[in-house]
Amino acid sequence: MEDTARRDIRRLLKTFGIQADEALTAHLERHPQIRALQVRIVLEDLTDYGGSPPAEALRVEIEDIIHSQGIGQE
């Protein structure tokens, strides 16, 4: 794989990680009653392949629970 592709992937994941962290933290701060937040992260290929899509679609899905003791109340 090219270095350019790896850099692009890492940039995308870093940006997503920072934005997701900020969004989740803000959500938990707005809803301090939440003790467990169930979330799903989905990565999907949105490329227009015309009439020749790949045999196997790119899709990664992760689900997990974020436990909270109330952000800012630690």
C-alpha atoms as a PDB file:
ATOM      1  CA  MET A   1       0.000   0.000   0.000  1.00  0.00           C
ATOM      2  CA  GLU A   2       1.244   3.476  -0.824  1.00  0.00           C
ATOM      3  CA  ASP A   3       2.439   5.840   1.892  1.00  0.00           C
ATOM      4  CA  THR A   4      -0.114   8.374   0.644  1.00  0.00           C
ATOM      5  CA  ALA A   5      -2.999   5.969   1.268  1.00  0.00           C
ATOM      6  CA  ARG A   6      -1.712   5.172   4.777  1.00  0.00           C
ATOM      7  CA  ARG A   7      -1.394   8.874   5.590  1.00  0.00           C
ATOM      8  CA  ASP A   8      -4.922   9.516   4.324  1.00  0.00           C
ATOM      9  CA  ILE A   9      -6.305   6.626   6.385  1.00  0.00           C
ATOM     10  CA  ARG A  10      -4.532   7.782   9.551  1.00  0.00           C
ATOM     11  CA  ARG A  11      -5.649  11.392   9.011  1.00  0.00           C
ATOM     12  CA  LEU A  12      -9.273  10.277   8.571  1.00  0.00           C
ATOM     13  CA  LEU A  13      -9.195   8.048  11.668  1.00  0.00           C
ATOM     14  CA  LYS A  14      -7.468  10.708  13.790  1.00  0.00           C
ATOM     15  CA  THR A  15     -10.034  13.331  12.766  1.00  0.00           C
ATOM     16  CA  PHE A  16     -12.890  10.920  13.465  1.00  0.00           C
ATOM     17  CA  GLY A  17     -11.415   9.967  16.842  1.00  0.00           C
ATOM     18  CA  ILE A  18     -11.123  13.582  17.979  1.00  0.00           C
ATOM     19  CA  GLN A  19     -14.628  14.513  16.785  1.00  0.00           C
ATOM     20  CA  ALA A  20     -16.172  11.360  18.258  1.00  0.00           C
ATOM     21  CA  ASP A  21     -14.479  11.987  21.614  1.00  0.00           C
ATOM     22  CA  GLU A  22     -15.786  15.563  21.706  1.00  0.00           C
ATOM     23  CA  ALA A  23     -19.309  14.536  20.662  1.00  0.00           C
ATOM     24  CA  LEU A  24     -19.531  11.674  23.163  1.00  0.00           C
ATOM     25  CA  THR A  25     -18.142  13.775  26.011  1.00  0.00           C
ATOM     26  CA  ALA A  26     -20.585  16.620  25.273  1.00  0.00           C
ATOM     27  CA  HIS A  27     -23.501  14.171  25.042  1.00  0.00           C
ATOM     28  CA  LEU A  28     -22.641  12.617  28.400  1.00  0.00           C
ATOM     29  CA  GLU A  29     -22.267  16.073  29.968  1.00  0.00           C
ATOM     30  CA  ARG A  30     -25.741  17.064  28.685  1.00  0.00           C
ATOM     31  CA  HIS A  31     -27.240  13.828  30.029  1.00  0.00           C
ATOM     32  CA  PRO A  32     -25.595  13.140  33.409  1.00  0.00           C
ATOM     33  CA  GLN A  33     -28.285  10.587  34.243  1.00  0.00           C
ATOM     34  CA  ILE A  34     -26.835   8.225  31.623  1.00  0.00           C
ATOM     35  CA  ARG A  35     -24.756   5.525  33.286  1.00  0.00           C
ATOM     36  CA  ALA A  36     -24.215   3.358  30.204  1.00  0.00           C
ATOM     37  CA  LEU A  37     -24.316   4.587  26.629  1.00  0.00           C
ATOM     38  CA  GLN A  38     -24.605   1.914  23.944  1.00  0.00           C
ATOM     39  CA  VAL A  39     -22.959   3.065  20.713  1.00  0.00           C
ATOM     40  CA  ARG A  40     -22.276   1.724  17.242  1.00  0.00           C
ATOM     41  CA  ILE A  41     -19.536   2.911  14.912  1.00  0.00           C
ATOM     42  CA  VAL A  42     -19.896   2.016  11.238  1.00  0.00           C
ATOM     43  CA  LEU A  43     -17.332   2.468   8.465  1.00  0.00           C
ATOM     44  CA  GLU A  44     -18.790   2.124   4.969  1.00  0.00           C
ATOM     45  CA  ASP A  45     -17.325   2.588   1.518  1.00  0.00           C
ATOM     46  CA  LEU A  46     -19.380   5.237  -0.298  1.00  0.00           C
ATOM     47  CA  THR A  47     -17.388   5.090  -3.535  1.00  0.00           C
ATOM     48  CA  ASP A  48     -19.373   5.094  -6.777  1.00  0.00           C
ATOM     49  CA  TYR A  49     -17.963   2.105  -8.642  1.00  0.00           C
ATOM     50  CA  GLY A  50     -20.364   2.600 -11.522  1.00  0.00           C
ATOM     51  CA  GLY A  51     -21.668  -0.726 -12.704  1.00  0.00           C
ATOM     52  CA  SER A  52     -18.764  -2.722 -11.251  1.00  0.00           C
ATOM     53  CA  PRO A  53     -18.921  -2.729  -7.451  1.00  0.00           C
ATOM     54  CA  PRO A  54     -16.401  -4.923  -5.626  1.00  0.00           C
ATOM     55  CA  ALA A  55     -17.481  -8.490  -4.859  1.00  0.00           C
ATOM     56  CA  GLU A  56     -17.009  -7.803  -1.158  1.00  0.00           C
ATOM     57  CA  ALA A  57     -18.228  -4.484   0.238  1.00  0.00           C
ATOM     58  CA  LEU A  58     -16.069  -2.555   2.691  1.00  0.00           C
ATOM     59  CA  ARG A  59     -17.930  -2.353   5.993  1.00  0.00           C
ATOM     60  CA  VAL A  60     -16.671  -2.352   9.559  1.00  0.00           C
ATOM     61  CA  GLU A  61     -19.144  -2.199  12.439  1.00  0.00           C
ATOM     62  CA  ILE A  62     -18.254  -1.998  16.117  1.00  0.00           C
ATOM     63  CA  GLU A  63     -20.696  -1.853  19.023  1.00  0.00           C
ATOM     64  CA  ASP A  64     -19.807  -1.252  22.638  1.00  0.00           C
ATOM     65  CA  ILE A  65     -20.980   0.319  25.870  1.00  0.00           C
ATOM     66  CA  ILE A  66     -19.464   3.446  27.365  1.00  0.00           C
ATOM     67  CA  HIS A  67     -19.857   3.461  31.138  1.00  0.00           C
ATOM     68  CA  SER A  68     -20.195   6.862  32.762  1.00  0.00           C
ATOM     69  CA  GLN A  69     -19.976   8.017  36.335  1.00  0.00           C
ATOM     70  CA  GLY A  70     -21.137  11.450  35.232  1.00  0.00           C
ATOM     71  CA  ILE A  71     -18.578  13.498  33.321  1.00  0.00           C
ATOM     72  CA  GLY A  72     -17.138  16.298  35.454  1.00  0.00           C
ATOM     73  CA  GLN A  73     -18.234  14.580  38.693  1.00  0.00           C
ATOM     74  CA  GLU A  74     -15.119  12.439  39.112  1.00  0.00           C
END
